[in-house]
């Protein structure tokens, strides 16, 4: 497998905001499970921003994981937002009717909300 395509992610935290930047392939596998477990370890997050701008592929496993993360967020009163999905990712979300389930916005919109709250720039955490 091409290492450039594997899922990579970075978690940045500032107060109660966690920004997760994903790149590569959001597809079934060990890396996807690591992503889910890492997000579920966020203890103080009240807002979770998942940046999908560099995600090149998405399969049913990736959709399932996003739904699992959404379920975790709801159970823990965390507001979850998907930002900057590529046109391909957005079409998959539309085709599966998940645009009505997820809050989706541009990165600029999410950053303006965070800046207004005084929560930007974030501090880095171990991913």
Protein backbone atom coordinates (compact mmCIF):
# COMPACT_ATOMS: atom_id res chain seq x y z
CA UNK A 1 0.00 0.00 0.00
CA UNK A 2 1.17 3.52 -0.71
CA UNK A 3 2.14 5.17 2.59
CA UNK A 4 1.10 8.53 1.17
CA UNK A 5 -2.48 7.28 1.04
CA UNK A 6 -2.69 5.81 4.55
CA UNK A 7 -4.82 7.66 7.07
CA UNK A 8 -2.87 10.19 9.08
CA UNK A 9 -4.36 12.46 11.72
CA UNK A 10 -3.31 15.13 14.15
CA UNK A 11 -5.27 16.26 17.21
CA UNK A 12 -4.96 19.86 18.39
CA UNK A 13 -6.65 20.94 21.63
CA UNK A 14 -7.34 24.35 23.13
CA UNK A 15 -9.52 24.53 26.23
CA UNK A 16 -12.73 22.72 25.24
CA UNK A 17 -12.12 22.65 21.46
CA UNK A 18 -10.46 19.72 19.67
CA UNK A 19 -9.48 19.98 16.01
CA UNK A 20 -8.71 16.71 14.25
CA UNK A 21 -6.94 17.09 10.90
CA UNK A 22 -7.20 13.98 8.75
CA UNK A 23 -5.37 13.19 5.53
CA UNK A 24 -5.09 10.21 3.22
CA UNK A 25 -7.73 7.48 3.14
CA UNK A 26 -10.59 7.24 5.61
CA UNK A 27 -11.10 3.53 4.96
CA UNK A 28 -11.54 0.38 7.02
CA UNK A 29 -8.37 -0.61 8.85
CA UNK A 30 -6.17 -0.23 11.89
CA UNK A 31 -5.53 3.50 11.38
CA UNK A 32 -9.27 4.20 11.34
CA UNK A 33 -9.66 2.35 14.64
CA UNK A 34 -6.78 4.40 16.13
CA UNK A 35 -8.53 7.59 15.04
CA UNK A 36 -11.77 6.58 16.75
CA UNK A 37 -10.02 5.53 19.96
CA UNK A 38 -7.97 8.76 20.07
CA UNK A 39 -11.06 10.91 19.70
CA UNK A 40 -12.87 8.93 22.38
CA UNK A 41 -9.99 9.77 24.76
CA UNK A 42 -10.75 13.49 24.57
CA UNK A 43 -11.97 14.28 28.07
CA UNK A 44 -12.53 18.04 28.11
CA UNK A 45 -13.77 18.62 24.58
CA UNK A 46 -17.11 20.33 24.09
CA UNK A 47 -16.51 21.08 20.40
CA UNK A 48 -14.98 18.60 17.96
CA UNK A 49 -13.91 19.87 14.54
CA UNK A 50 -12.96 17.13 12.06
CA UNK A 51 -11.05 18.62 9.12
CA UNK A 52 -11.56 16.41 6.05
CA UNK A 53 -9.91 18.73 3.53
CA UNK A 54 -7.03 16.32 2.83
CA UNK A 55 -9.03 13.07 2.86
CA UNK A 56 -8.83 11.48 -0.57
CA UNK A 57 -10.94 8.36 -0.10
CA UNK A 58 -13.85 7.29 2.05
CA UNK A 59 -15.49 3.87 2.29
CA UNK A 60 -18.25 2.29 4.36
CA UNK A 61 -15.77 1.73 7.20
CA UNK A 62 -14.91 5.43 7.20
CA UNK A 63 -18.59 6.41 7.17
CA UNK A 64 -19.26 3.96 9.99
CA UNK A 65 -16.42 5.40 12.04
CA UNK A 66 -17.66 8.95 11.52
CA UNK A 67 -21.08 7.79 12.75
CA UNK A 68 -19.50 6.08 15.78
CA UNK A 69 -17.61 9.28 16.59
CA UNK A 70 -20.84 11.25 16.19
CA UNK A 71 -22.55 8.86 18.63
CA UNK A 72 -19.72 9.31 21.13
CA UNK A 73 -19.95 13.09 20.71
CA UNK A 74 -23.69 13.11 21.37
CA UNK A 75 -23.35 10.89 24.45
CA UNK A 76 -20.69 13.24 25.85
CA UNK A 77 -22.46 16.49 24.90
CA UNK A 78 -19.77 17.37 22.36
CA UNK A 79 -20.74 19.46 19.34
CA UNK A 80 -19.21 17.79 16.26
CA UNK A 81 -18.56 19.58 12.97
CA UNK A 82 -17.10 18.19 9.74
CA UNK A 83 -15.18 20.87 7.86
CA UNK A 84 -13.89 21.24 4.32
CA UNK A 85 -14.84 17.88 2.84
CA UNK A 86 -13.57 17.48 -0.71
CA UNK A 87 -16.15 17.37 -3.48
CA UNK A 88 -15.83 13.55 -3.56
CA UNK A 89 -16.40 13.23 0.21
CA UNK A 90 -19.31 15.67 0.06
CA UNK A 91 -20.91 13.65 -2.76
CA UNK A 92 -20.55 10.44 -0.73
CA UNK A 93 -22.16 12.13 2.28
CA UNK A 94 -24.97 13.42 0.04
CA UNK A 95 -25.50 10.05 -1.66
CA UNK A 96 -25.79 8.34 1.73
CA UNK A 97 -28.00 11.15 3.02
CA UNK A 98 -25.56 11.85 5.84
CA UNK A 99 -25.47 15.58 5.11
CA UNK A 100 -28.63 15.74 7.23
CA UNK A 101 -26.89 13.92 10.09
CA UNK A 102 -23.57 15.80 10.21
CA UNK A 103 -23.00 19.51 10.64
CA UNK A 104 -20.77 20.41 7.68
CA UNK A 105 -19.05 23.73 7.07
CA UNK A 106 -15.97 25.32 5.60
CA UNK A 107 -12.82 25.58 7.67
CA UNK A 108 -13.10 29.36 7.50
CA UNK A 109 -16.56 29.25 9.11
CA UNK A 110 -15.33 26.96 11.88
CA UNK A 111 -12.25 29.12 12.53
CA UNK A 112 -14.31 32.30 12.70
CA UNK A 113 -16.52 30.70 15.36
CA UNK A 114 -13.44 29.61 17.33
CA UNK A 115 -11.77 33.02 16.97
CA UNK A 116 -14.92 34.72 18.23
CA UNK A 117 -14.77 32.49 21.31
CA UNK A 118 -11.06 33.23 21.79
CA UNK A 119 -10.16 29.53 21.36
CA UNK A 120 -7.69 29.89 18.51
CA UNK A 121 -4.91 28.98 17.87
CA UNK A 122 -5.03 25.50 19.43
CA UNK A 123 -2.35 23.73 21.44
CA UNK A 124 -1.02 20.45 20.13
CA UNK A 125 -1.74 17.11 21.77
CA UNK A 126 -0.33 13.65 21.16
CA UNK A 127 -2.12 11.84 18.33
